[in-house]
Amino acid sequence: MDEKPKETQRKNVTFTDLISKGQHYLCTDKKYRTCLGFSDTNHCETDLQPFKAQCLQSAVKAVQRLRTRPMNTQLKAFFSHLTACMGDKYIQTTELVPQQVGTCLSN
């Protein structure tokens, strides 16, 4: 019963939300920040900003193949693609080891 109020308070995320605030959603996830070595949400958002346009464009293309699927499936695929793209692009600019980041994220 305790989870029901949390569910009703949770805002439904839309494509517009993900397009305008995608990196914010990524960076508020503590595990994502930790695995990519960010000390806080602001640094994470700032450092991911250069990859936003390219990754959003890529995510839109990836989801276009799913347009006959339910909207929640499309949103999950979009966010997953955005998450992977932003992480990948950022890792390429650092000394982070992609396999270690991947292992961290999957734990």
PDB file of N, CA and C in Angstrom:
ATOM      1  N   MET A   1       0.808  -1.200   0.000  1.00  0.00           N
ATOM      2  CA  MET A   1       0.000   0.000   0.000  1.00  0.00           C
ATOM      3  C   MET A   1       0.853   1.266   0.000  1.00  0.00           C
ATOM      4  N   ASP A   2       2.013   1.201   0.603  1.00  0.00           N
ATOM      5  CA  ASP A   2       2.870   2.381   0.659  1.00  0.00           C
ATOM      6  C   ASP A   2       3.307   2.837  -0.726  1.00  0.00           C
ATOM      7  N   GLU A   3       3.405   1.897  -1.677  1.00  0.00           N
ATOM      8  CA  GLU A   3       3.885   2.268  -3.007  1.00  0.00           C
ATOM      9  C   GLU A   3       2.819   2.954  -3.845  1.00  0.00           C
ATOM     10  N   LYS A   4       1.564   2.739  -3.549  1.00  0.00           N
ATOM     11  CA  LYS A   4       0.483   3.333  -4.328  1.00  0.00           C
ATOM     12  C   LYS A   4       0.539   4.862  -4.347  1.00  0.00           C
ATOM     13  N   PRO A   5       0.665   5.527  -3.196  1.00  0.00           N
ATOM     14  CA  PRO A   5       0.749   6.993  -3.240  1.00  0.00           C
ATOM     15  C   PRO A   5       1.948   7.491  -4.038  1.00  0.00           C
ATOM     16  N   LYS A   6       3.082   6.802  -3.945  1.00  0.00           N
ATOM     17  CA  LYS A   6       4.251   7.209  -4.718  1.00  0.00           C
ATOM     18  C   LYS A   6       3.956   7.125  -6.212  1.00  0.00           C
ATOM     19  N   GLU A   7       3.267   6.063  -6.609  1.00  0.00           N
ATOM     20  CA  GLU A   7       2.941   5.896  -8.016  1.00  0.00           C
ATOM     21  C   GLU A   7       2.037   7.007  -8.519  1.00  0.00           C
ATOM     22  N   THR A   8       1.035   7.365  -7.740  1.00  0.00           N
ATOM     23  CA  THR A   8       0.102   8.388  -8.185  1.00  0.00           C
ATOM     24  C   THR A   8       0.755   9.763  -8.187  1.00  0.00           C
ATOM     25  N   GLN A   9       1.781   9.972  -7.367  1.00  0.00           N
ATOM     26  CA  GLN A   9       2.477  11.249  -7.339  1.00  0.00           C
ATOM     27  C   GLN A   9       3.498  11.364  -8.471  1.00  0.00           C
ATOM     28  N   ARG A  10       3.946  10.241  -8.983  1.00  0.00           N
ATOM     29  CA  ARG A  10       4.956  10.243 -10.034  1.00  0.00           C
ATOM     30  C   ARG A  10       4.367  10.814 -11.320  1.00  0.00           C
ATOM     31  N   LYS A  11       5.076  11.754 -11.903  1.00  0.00           N
ATOM     32  CA  LYS A  11       4.622  12.384 -13.136  1.00  0.00           C
ATOM     33  C   LYS A  11       4.911  11.458 -14.312  1.00  0.00           C
ATOM     34  N   ASN A  12       3.965  11.351 -15.219  1.00  0.00           N
ATOM     35  CA  ASN A  12       4.193  10.585 -16.426  1.00  0.00           C
ATOM     36  C   ASN A  12       5.140  11.373 -17.320  1.00  0.00           C
ATOM     37  N   VAL A  13       6.228  10.745 -17.713  1.00  0.00           N
ATOM     38  CA  VAL A  13       7.229  11.390 -18.551  1.00  0.00           C
ATOM     39  C   VAL A  13       6.790  11.261 -20.009  1.00  0.00           C
ATOM     40  N   THR A  14       6.932  12.344 -20.745  1.00  0.00           N
ATOM     41  CA  THR A  14       6.557  12.358 -22.160  1.00  0.00           C
ATOM     42  C   THR A  14       7.807  12.517 -23.022  1.00  0.00           C
ATOM     43  N   PHE A  15       7.629  12.364 -24.336  1.00  0.00           N
ATOM     44  CA  PHE A  15       8.746  12.604 -25.254  1.00  0.00           C
ATOM     45  C   PHE A  15       9.240  14.041 -25.112  1.00  0.00           C
ATOM     46  N   THR A  16       8.328  14.964 -24.927  1.00  0.00           N
ATOM     47  CA  THR A  16       8.713  16.366 -24.762  1.00  0.00           C
ATOM     48  C   THR A  16       9.619  16.530 -23.549  1.00  0.00           C
ATOM     49  N   ASP A  17       9.276  15.861 -22.446  1.00  0.00           N
ATOM     50  CA  ASP A  17      10.117  15.918 -21.249  1.00  0.00           C
ATOM     51  C   ASP A  17      11.508  15.370 -21.532  1.00  0.00           C
ATOM     52  N   LEU A  18      11.565  14.232 -22.207  1.00  0.00           N
ATOM     53  CA  LEU A  18      12.861  13.610 -22.484  1.00  0.00           C
ATOM     54  C   LEU A  18      13.696  14.443 -23.447  1.00  0.00           C
ATOM     55  N   ILE A  19      13.043  15.075 -24.399  1.00  0.00           N
ATOM     56  CA  ILE A  19      13.773  15.902 -25.356  1.00  0.00           C
ATOM     57  C   ILE A  19      14.300  17.164 -24.682  1.00  0.00           C
ATOM     58  N   SER A  20      13.486  17.782 -23.852  1.00  0.00           N
ATOM     59  CA  SER A  20      13.924  19.031 -23.223  1.00  0.00           C
ATOM     60  C   SER A  20      14.804  18.822 -21.999  1.00  0.00           C
ATOM     61  N   LYS A  21      14.573  17.730 -21.259  1.00  0.00           N
ATOM     62  CA  LYS A  21      15.305  17.524 -20.003  1.00  0.00           C
ATOM     63  C   LYS A  21      15.931  16.135 -19.902  1.00  0.00           C
ATOM     64  N   GLY A  22      16.281  15.549 -21.032  1.00  0.00           N
ATOM     65  CA  GLY A  22      16.817  14.188 -21.036  1.00  0.00           C
ATOM     66  C   GLY A  22      18.010  13.982 -20.135  1.00  0.00           C
ATOM     67  N   GLN A  23      18.999  14.868 -20.234  1.00  0.00           N
ATOM     68  CA  GLN A  23      20.188  14.676 -19.409  1.00  0.00           C
ATOM     69  C   GLN A  23      19.887  14.919 -17.933  1.00  0.00           C
ATOM     70  N   HIS A  24      18.875  15.729 -17.645  1.00  0.00           N
ATOM     71  CA  HIS A  24      18.490  15.928 -16.246  1.00  0.00           C
ATOM     72  C   HIS A  24      17.988  14.607 -15.656  1.00  0.00           C
ATOM     73  N   TYR A  25      17.141  13.907 -16.405  1.00  0.00           N
ATOM     74  CA  TYR A  25      16.639  12.612 -15.925  1.00  0.00           C
ATOM     75  C   TYR A  25      17.785  11.622 -15.734  1.00  0.00           C
ATOM     76  N   LEU A  26      18.735  11.617 -16.654  1.00  0.00           N
ATOM     77  CA  LEU A  26      19.888  10.726 -16.521  1.00  0.00           C
ATOM     78  C   LEU A  26      20.699  11.090 -15.284  1.00  0.00           C
ATOM     79  N   CYS A  27      20.949  12.361 -15.115  1.00  0.00           N
ATOM     80  CA  CYS A  27      21.858  12.826 -14.069  1.00  0.00           C
ATOM     81  C   CYS A  27      21.252  12.796 -12.670  1.00  0.00           C
ATOM     82  N   THR A  28      19.948  12.698 -12.564  1.00  0.00           N
ATOM     83  CA  THR A  28      19.353  12.567 -11.238  1.00  0.00           C
ATOM     84  C   THR A  28      19.429  11.130 -10.748  1.00  0.00           C
ATOM     85  N   ASP A  29      19.809  10.216 -11.629  1.00  0.00           N
ATOM     86  CA  ASP A  29      19.988   8.814 -11.244  1.00  0.00           C
ATOM     87  C   ASP A  29      21.384   8.661 -10.622  1.00  0.00           C
ATOM     88  N   LYS A  30      21.411   8.382  -9.337  1.00  0.00           N
ATOM     89  CA  LYS A  30      22.680   8.316  -8.597  1.00  0.00           C
ATOM     90  C   LYS A  30      23.630   7.267  -9.176  1.00  0.00           C
ATOM     91  N   LYS A  31      23.096   6.130  -9.571  1.00  0.00           N
ATOM     92  CA  LYS A  31      23.942   5.070 -10.117  1.00  0.00           C
ATOM     93  C   LYS A  31      24.614   5.531 -11.419  1.00  0.00           C
ATOM     94  N   TYR A  32      23.857   6.168 -12.275  1.00  0.00           N
ATOM     95  CA  TYR A  32      24.400   6.667 -13.539  1.00  0.00           C
ATOM     96  C   TYR A  32      25.519   7.671 -13.270  1.00  0.00           C
ATOM     97  N   ARG A  33      25.248   8.615 -12.369  1.00  0.00           N
ATOM     98  CA  ARG A  33      26.266   9.622 -12.021  1.00  0.00           C
ATOM     99  C   ARG A  33      27.514   8.961 -11.458  1.00  0.00           C
ATOM    100  N   THR A  34      27.334   8.047 -10.538  1.00  0.00           N
ATOM    101  CA  THR A  34      28.460   7.386  -9.880  1.00  0.00           C
ATOM    102  C   THR A  34      29.298   6.583 -10.882  1.00  0.00           C
ATOM    103  N   CYS A  35      28.627   5.802 -11.721  1.00  0.00           N
ATOM    104  CA  CYS A  35      29.348   4.962 -12.679  1.00  0.00           C
ATOM    105  C   CYS A  35      30.131   5.783 -13.707  1.00  0.00           C
ATOM    106  N   LEU A  36      29.632   6.977 -14.006  1.00  0.00           N
ATOM    107  CA  LEU A  36      30.330   7.841 -14.966  1.00  0.00           C
ATOM    108  C   LEU A  36      31.263   8.830 -14.276  1.00  0.00           C
ATOM    109  N   GLY A  37      31.366   8.741 -12.952  1.00  0.00           N
ATOM    110  CA  GLY A  37      32.335   9.533 -12.213  1.00  0.00           C
ATOM    111  C   GLY A  37      31.953  10.983 -11.946  1.00  0.00           C
ATOM    112  N   PHE A  38      30.676  11.285 -11.965  1.00  0.00           N
ATOM    113  CA  PHE A  38      30.239  12.652 -11.693  1.00  0.00           C
ATOM    114  C   PHE A  38      30.023  12.841 -10.197  1.00  0.00           C
ATOM    115  N   SER A  39      30.441  13.990  -9.696  1.00  0.00           N
ATOM    116  CA  SER A  39      30.293  14.271  -8.262  1.00  0.00           C
ATOM    117  C   SER A  39      28.890  14.751  -7.914  1.00  0.00           C
ATOM    118  N   ASP A  40      28.206  15.361  -8.889  1.00  0.00           N
ATOM    119  CA  ASP A  40      26.853  15.844  -8.609  1.00  0.00           C
ATOM    120  C   ASP A  40      26.061  16.003  -9.910  1.00  0.00           C
ATOM    121  N   THR A  41      24.789  16.282  -9.766  1.00  0.00           N
ATOM    122  CA  THR A  41      23.888  16.401 -10.902  1.00  0.00           C
ATOM    123  C   THR A  41      24.291  17.525 -11.843  1.00  0.00           C
ATOM    124  N   ASN A  42      24.683  18.670 -11.305  1.00  0.00           N
ATOM    125  CA  ASN A  42      25.038  19.811 -12.155  1.00  0.00           C
ATOM    126  C   ASN A  42      26.223  19.527 -13.062  1.00  0.00           C
ATOM    127  N   HIS A  43      27.281  18.923 -12.513  1.00  0.00           N
ATOM    128  CA  HIS A  43      28.447  18.576 -13.342  1.00  0.00           C
ATOM    129  C   HIS A  43      28.057  17.573 -14.422  1.00  0.00           C
ATOM    130  N   CYS A  44      27.243  16.623 -14.051  1.00  0.00           N
ATOM    131  CA  CYS A  44      26.780  15.612 -14.998  1.00  0.00           C
ATOM    132  C   CYS A  44      26.037  16.275 -16.157  1.00  0.00           C
ATOM    133  N   GLU A  45      25.070  17.107 -15.841  1.00  0.00           N
ATOM    134  CA  GLU A  45      24.284  17.770 -16.888  1.00  0.00           C
ATOM    135  C   GLU A  45      25.161  18.633 -17.793  1.00  0.00           C
ATOM    136  N   THR A  46      26.063  19.380 -17.194  1.00  0.00           N
ATOM    137  CA  THR A  46      26.951  20.255 -17.961  1.00  0.00           C
ATOM    138  C   THR A  46      27.858  19.446 -18.879  1.00  0.00           C
ATOM    139  N   ASP A  47      28.437  18.372 -18.360  1.00  0.00           N
ATOM    140  CA  ASP A  47      29.379  17.577 -19.155  1.00  0.00           C
ATOM    141  C   ASP A  47      28.691  16.754 -20.248  1.00  0.00           C
ATOM    142  N   LEU A  48      27.412  16.442 -20.075  1.00  0.00           N
ATOM    143  CA  LEU A  48      26.688  15.687 -21.099  1.00  0.00           C
ATOM    144  C   LEU A  48      26.068  16.590 -22.167  1.00  0.00           C
ATOM    145  N   GLN A  49      25.951  17.869 -21.881  1.00  0.00           N
ATOM    146  CA  GLN A  49      25.302  18.825 -22.796  1.00  0.00           C
ATOM    147  C   GLN A  49      25.845  18.769 -24.227  1.00  0.00           C
ATOM    148  N   PRO A  50      27.159  18.673 -24.434  1.00  0.00           N
ATOM    149  CA  PRO A  50      27.665  18.663 -25.812  1.00  0.00           C
ATOM    150  C   PRO A  50      27.157  17.493 -26.666  1.00  0.00           C
ATOM    151  N   PHE A  51      26.652  16.449 -26.028  1.00  0.00           N
ATOM    152  CA  PHE A  51      26.226  15.251 -26.753  1.00  0.00           C
ATOM    153  C   PHE A  51      24.710  15.185 -26.926  1.00  0.00           C
ATOM    154  N   LYS A  52      24.017  16.138 -26.327  1.00  0.00           N
ATOM    155  CA  LYS A  52      22.552  16.094 -26.280  1.00  0.00           C
ATOM    156  C   LYS A  52      21.914  16.055 -27.665  1.00  0.00           C
ATOM    157  N   ALA A  53      22.246  16.998 -28.532  1.00  0.00           N
ATOM    158  CA  ALA A  53      21.597  17.093 -29.841  1.00  0.00           C
ATOM    159  C   ALA A  53      21.820  15.826 -30.673  1.00  0.00           C
ATOM    160  N   GLN A  54      23.049  15.374 -30.719  1.00  0.00           N
ATOM    161  CA  GLN A  54      23.366  14.182 -31.505  1.00  0.00           C
ATOM    162  C   GLN A  54      22.649  12.950 -30.959  1.00  0.00           C
ATOM    163  N   CYS A  55      22.617  12.797 -29.650  1.00  0.00           N
ATOM    164  CA  CYS A  55      21.989  11.624 -29.044  1.00  0.00           C
ATOM    165  C   CYS A  55      20.463  11.676 -29.143  1.00  0.00           C
ATOM    166  N   LEU A  56      19.894  12.863 -29.046  1.00  0.00           N
ATOM    167  CA  LEU A  56      18.444  12.985 -29.229  1.00  0.00           C
ATOM    168  C   LEU A  56      18.059  12.604 -30.651  1.00  0.00           C
ATOM    169  N   GLN A  57      18.815  13.085 -31.607  1.00  0.00           N
ATOM    170  CA  GLN A  57      18.547  12.766 -33.011  1.00  0.00           C
ATOM    171  C   GLN A  57      18.648  11.258 -33.250  1.00  0.00           C
ATOM    172  N   SER A  58      19.659  10.654 -32.693  1.00  0.00           N
ATOM    173  CA  SER A  58      19.860   9.216 -32.824  1.00  0.00           C
ATOM    174  C   SER A  58      18.722   8.430 -32.160  1.00  0.00           C
ATOM    175  N   ALA A  59      18.288   8.893 -30.997  1.00  0.00           N
ATOM    176  CA  ALA A  59      17.201   8.215 -30.272  1.00  0.00           C
ATOM    177  C   ALA A  59      15.885   8.320 -31.037  1.00  0.00           C
ATOM    178  N   VAL A  60      15.632   9.471 -31.639  1.00  0.00           N
ATOM    179  CA  VAL A  60      14.416   9.649 -32.436  1.00  0.00           C
ATOM    180  C   VAL A  60      14.415   8.664 -33.603  1.00  0.00           C
ATOM    181  N   LYS A  61      15.536   8.541 -34.293  1.00  0.00           N
ATOM    182  CA  LYS A  61      15.638   7.600 -35.418  1.00  0.00           C
ATOM    183  C   LYS A  61      15.408   6.168 -34.952  1.00  0.00           C
ATOM    184  N   ALA A  62      15.982   5.814 -33.802  1.00  0.00           N
ATOM    185  CA  ALA A  62      15.838   4.455 -33.281  1.00  0.00           C
ATOM    186  C   ALA A  62      14.381   4.134 -32.935  1.00  0.00           C
ATOM    187  N   VAL A  63      13.658   5.109 -32.428  1.00  0.00           N
ATOM    188  CA  VAL A  63      12.280   4.884 -31.996  1.00  0.00           C
ATOM    189  C   VAL A  63      11.301   4.907 -33.169  1.00  0.00           C
ATOM    190  N   GLN A  64      11.671   5.531 -34.254  1.00  0.00           N
ATOM    191  CA  GLN A  64      10.770   5.586 -35.408  1.00  0.00           C
ATOM    192  C   GLN A  64      10.379   4.191 -35.881  1.00  0.00           C
ATOM    193  N   ARG A  65      11.261   3.232 -35.711  1.00  0.00           N
ATOM    194  CA  ARG A  65      10.957   1.849 -36.102  1.00  0.00           C
ATOM    195  C   ARG A  65       9.886   1.232 -35.205  1.00  0.00           C
ATOM    196  N   LEU A  66       9.666   1.839 -34.047  1.00  0.00           N
ATOM    197  CA  LEU A  66       8.723   1.284 -33.069  1.00  0.00           C
ATOM    198  C   LEU A  66       7.388   2.025 -33.049  1.00  0.00           C
ATOM    199  N   ARG A  67       7.112   2.826 -34.056  1.00  0.00           N
ATOM    200  CA  ARG A  67       5.919   3.687 -33.992  1.00  0.00           C
ATOM    201  C   ARG A  67       4.602   2.918 -33.919  1.00  0.00           C
ATOM    202  N   THR A  68       4.602   1.647 -34.263  1.00  0.00           N
ATOM    203  CA  THR A  68       3.367   0.856 -34.143  1.00  0.00           C
ATOM    204  C   THR A  68       3.233   0.220 -32.761  1.00  0.00           C
ATOM    205  N   ARG A  69       4.256   0.347 -31.954  1.00  0.00           N
ATOM    206  CA  ARG A  69       4.243  -0.221 -30.600  1.00  0.00           C
ATOM    207  C   ARG A  69       3.557   0.732 -29.629  1.00  0.00           C
ATOM    208  N   PRO A  70       3.167   0.236 -28.446  1.00  0.00           N
ATOM    209  CA  PRO A  70       2.563   1.117 -27.441  1.00  0.00           C
ATOM    210  C   PRO A  70       3.514   2.250 -27.050  1.00  0.00           C
ATOM    211  N   MET A  71       2.940   3.372 -26.673  1.00  0.00           N
ATOM    212  CA  MET A  71       3.725   4.567 -26.344  1.00  0.00           C
ATOM    213  C   MET A  71       4.738   4.297 -25.235  1.00  0.00           C
ATOM    214  N   ASN A  72       4.357   3.522 -24.213  1.00  0.00           N
ATOM    215  CA  ASN A  72       5.310   3.270 -23.128  1.00  0.00           C
ATOM    216  C   ASN A  72       6.519   2.483 -23.633  1.00  0.00           C
ATOM    217  N   THR A  73       6.335   1.612 -24.592  1.00  0.00           N
ATOM    218  CA  THR A  73       7.449   0.869 -25.191  1.00  0.00           C
ATOM    219  C   THR A  73       8.355   1.833 -25.946  1.00  0.00           C
ATOM    220  N   GLN A  74       7.761   2.757 -26.665  1.00  0.00           N
ATOM    221  CA  GLN A  74       8.530   3.752 -27.406  1.00  0.00           C
ATOM    222  C   GLN A  74       9.327   4.654 -26.452  1.00  0.00           C
ATOM    223  N   LEU A  75       8.694   5.081 -25.369  1.00  0.00           N
ATOM    224  CA  LEU A  75       9.379   5.937 -24.389  1.00  0.00           C
ATOM    225  C   LEU A  75      10.560   5.219 -23.746  1.00  0.00           C
ATOM    226  N   LYS A  76      10.352   3.954 -23.375  1.00  0.00           N
ATOM    227  CA  LYS A  76      11.442   3.179 -22.764  1.00  0.00           C
ATOM    228  C   LYS A  76      12.603   3.021 -23.738  1.00  0.00           C
ATOM    229  N   ALA A  77      12.290   2.718 -24.986  1.00  0.00           N
ATOM    230  CA  ALA A  77      13.340   2.549 -25.995  1.00  0.00           C
ATOM    231  C   ALA A  77      14.082   3.863 -26.233  1.00  0.00           C
ATOM    232  N   PHE A  78      13.340   4.957 -26.287  1.00  0.00           N
ATOM    233  CA  PHE A  78      13.947   6.273 -26.483  1.00  0.00           C
ATOM    234  C   PHE A  78      14.899   6.596 -25.344  1.00  0.00           C
ATOM    235  N   PHE A  79      14.436   6.407 -24.114  1.00  0.00           N
ATOM    236  CA  PHE A  79      15.260   6.721 -22.950  1.00  0.00           C
ATOM    237  C   PHE A  79      16.471   5.793 -22.867  1.00  0.00           C
ATOM    238  N   SER A  80      16.286   4.523 -23.172  1.00  0.00           N
ATOM    239  CA  SER A  80      17.415   3.579 -23.163  1.00  0.00           C
ATOM    240  C   SER A  80      18.460   3.985 -24.189  1.00  0.00           C
ATOM    241  N   HIS A  81      18.005   4.349 -25.368  1.00  0.00           N
ATOM    242  CA  HIS A  81      18.936   4.750 -26.417  1.00  0.00           C
ATOM    243  C   HIS A  81      19.649   6.038 -26.020  1.00  0.00           C
ATOM    244  N   LEU A  82      18.904   6.982 -25.482  1.00  0.00           N
ATOM    245  CA  LEU A  82      19.499   8.248 -25.039  1.00  0.00           C
ATOM    246  C   LEU A  82      20.541   8.006 -23.949  1.00  0.00           C
ATOM    247  N   THR A  83      20.205   7.156 -22.984  1.00  0.00           N
ATOM    248  CA  THR A  83      21.120   6.821 -21.890  1.00  0.00           C
ATOM    249  C   THR A  83      22.416   6.225 -22.420  1.00  0.00           C
ATOM    250  N   ALA A  84      22.289   5.248 -23.300  1.00  0.00           N
ATOM    251  CA  ALA A  84      23.473   4.583 -23.851  1.00  0.00           C
ATOM    252  C   ALA A  84      24.314   5.546 -24.688  1.00  0.00           C
ATOM    253  N   CYS A  85      23.663   6.330 -25.516  1.00  0.00           N
ATOM    254  CA  CYS A  85      24.383   7.264 -26.396  1.00  0.00           C
ATOM    255  C   CYS A  85      25.133   8.323 -25.584  1.00  0.00           C
ATOM    256  N   MET A  86      24.451   8.935 -24.631  1.00  0.00           N
ATOM    257  CA  MET A  86      25.088   9.987 -23.832  1.00  0.00           C
ATOM    258  C   MET A  86      26.275   9.418 -23.062  1.00  0.00           C
ATOM    259  N   GLY A  87      26.098   8.249 -22.480  1.00  0.00           N
ATOM    260  CA  GLY A  87      27.189   7.618 -21.742  1.00  0.00           C
ATOM    261  C   GLY A  87      28.356   7.292 -22.650  1.00  0.00           C
ATOM    262  N   ASP A  88      28.053   6.710 -23.805  1.00  0.00           N
ATOM    263  CA  ASP A  88      29.099   6.326 -24.748  1.00  0.00           C
ATOM    264  C   ASP A  88      29.889   7.540 -25.236  1.00  0.00           C
ATOM    265  N   LYS A  89      29.183   8.580 -25.632  1.00  0.00           N
ATOM    266  CA  LYS A  89      29.860   9.786 -26.129  1.00  0.00           C
ATOM    267  C   LYS A  89      30.718  10.413 -25.030  1.00  0.00           C
ATOM    268  N   TYR A  90      30.203  10.453 -23.819  1.00  0.00           N
ATOM    269  CA  TYR A  90      30.962  11.038 -22.717  1.00  0.00           C
ATOM    270  C   TYR A  90      32.204  10.200 -22.411  1.00  0.00           C
ATOM    271  N   ILE A  91      32.052   8.898 -22.328  1.00  0.00           N
ATOM    272  CA  ILE A  91      33.166   8.002 -22.013  1.00  0.00           C
ATOM    273  C   ILE A  91      34.308   8.185 -23.013  1.00  0.00           C
ATOM    274  N   GLN A  92      33.967   8.416 -24.277  1.00  0.00           N
ATOM    275  CA  GLN A  92      34.988   8.602 -25.309  1.00  0.00           C
ATOM    276  C   GLN A  92      35.850   9.840 -25.064  1.00  0.00           C
ATOM    277  N   THR A  93      35.364  10.763 -24.256  1.00  0.00           N
ATOM    278  CA  THR A  93      36.120  11.992 -23.983  1.00  0.00           C
ATOM    279  C   THR A  93      36.889  11.901 -22.663  1.00  0.00           C
ATOM    280  N   THR A  94      36.852  10.750 -22.022  1.00  0.00           N
ATOM    281  CA  THR A  94      37.477  10.583 -20.711  1.00  0.00           C
ATOM    282  C   THR A  94      38.444   9.406 -20.730  1.00  0.00           C
ATOM    283  N   GLU A  95      38.999   9.142 -19.571  1.00  0.00           N
ATOM    284  CA  GLU A  95      39.862   7.963 -19.417  1.00  0.00           C
ATOM    285  C   GLU A  95      39.099   6.799 -18.797  1.00  0.00           C
ATOM    286  N   LEU A  96      37.774   6.923 -18.701  1.00  0.00           N
ATOM    287  CA  LEU A  96      36.961   5.838 -18.157  1.00  0.00           C
ATOM    288  C   LEU A  96      37.062   4.617 -19.069  1.00  0.00           C
ATOM    289  N   VAL A  97      36.969   3.437 -18.481  1.00  0.00           N
ATOM    290  CA  VAL A  97      37.005   2.187 -19.241  1.00  0.00           C
ATOM    291  C   VAL A  97      35.557   1.759 -19.496  1.00  0.00           C
ATOM    292  N   PRO A  98      35.153   1.701 -20.764  1.00  0.00           N
ATOM    293  CA  PRO A  98      33.754   1.385 -21.078  1.00  0.00           C
ATOM    294  C   PRO A  98      33.239   0.107 -20.408  1.00  0.00           C
ATOM    295  N   GLN A  99      34.048  -0.928 -20.363  1.00  0.00           N
ATOM    296  CA  GLN A  99      33.616  -2.181 -19.752  1.00  0.00           C
ATOM    297  C   GLN A  99      33.351  -2.007 -18.256  1.00  0.00           C
ATOM    298  N   GLN A 100      34.189  -1.222 -17.592  1.00  0.00           N
ATOM    299  CA  GLN A 100      33.993  -0.982 -16.158  1.00  0.00           C
ATOM    300  C   GLN A 100      32.718  -0.182 -15.911  1.00  0.00           C
ATOM    301  N   VAL A 101      32.462   0.796 -16.750  1.00  0.00           N
ATOM    302  CA  VAL A 101      31.232   1.590 -16.620  1.00  0.00           C
ATOM    303  C   VAL A 101      30.029   0.682 -16.847  1.00  0.00           C
ATOM    304  N   GLY A 102      30.103  -0.149 -17.881  1.00  0.00           N
ATOM    305  CA  GLY A 102      29.013  -1.078 -18.183  1.00  0.00           C
ATOM    306  C   GLY A 102      28.734  -2.033 -17.034  1.00  0.00           C
ATOM    307  N   THR A 103      29.807  -2.576 -16.455  1.00  0.00           N
ATOM    308  CA  THR A 103      29.657  -3.471 -15.314  1.00  0.00           C
ATOM    309  C   THR A 103      29.028  -2.738 -14.136  1.00  0.00           C
ATOM    310  N   CYS A 104      29.477  -1.535 -13.890  1.00  0.00           N
ATOM    311  CA  CYS A 104      28.934  -0.711 -12.797  1.00  0.00           C
ATOM    312  C   CYS A 104      27.435  -0.491 -12.995  1.00  0.00           C
ATOM    313  N   LEU A 105      27.048  -0.120 -14.214  1.00  0.00           N
ATOM    314  CA  LEU A 105      25.643   0.170 -14.500  1.00  0.00           C
ATOM    315  C   LEU A 105      24.762  -1.074 -14.415  1.00  0.00           C
ATOM    316  N   SER A 106      25.332  -2.231 -14.716  1.00  0.00           N
ATOM    317  CA  SER A 106      24.519  -3.453 -14.708  1.00  0.00           C
ATOM    318  C   SER A 106      24.400  -4.072 -13.321  1.00  0.00           C
ATOM    319  N   ASN A 107      25.198  -3.618 -12.366  1.00  0.00           N
ATOM    320  CA  ASN A 107      25.115  -4.153 -10.996  1.00  0.00           C
ATOM    321  C   ASN A 107      23.995  -3.515 -10.221  1.00  0.00           C
TER     322      ASN A 107
END
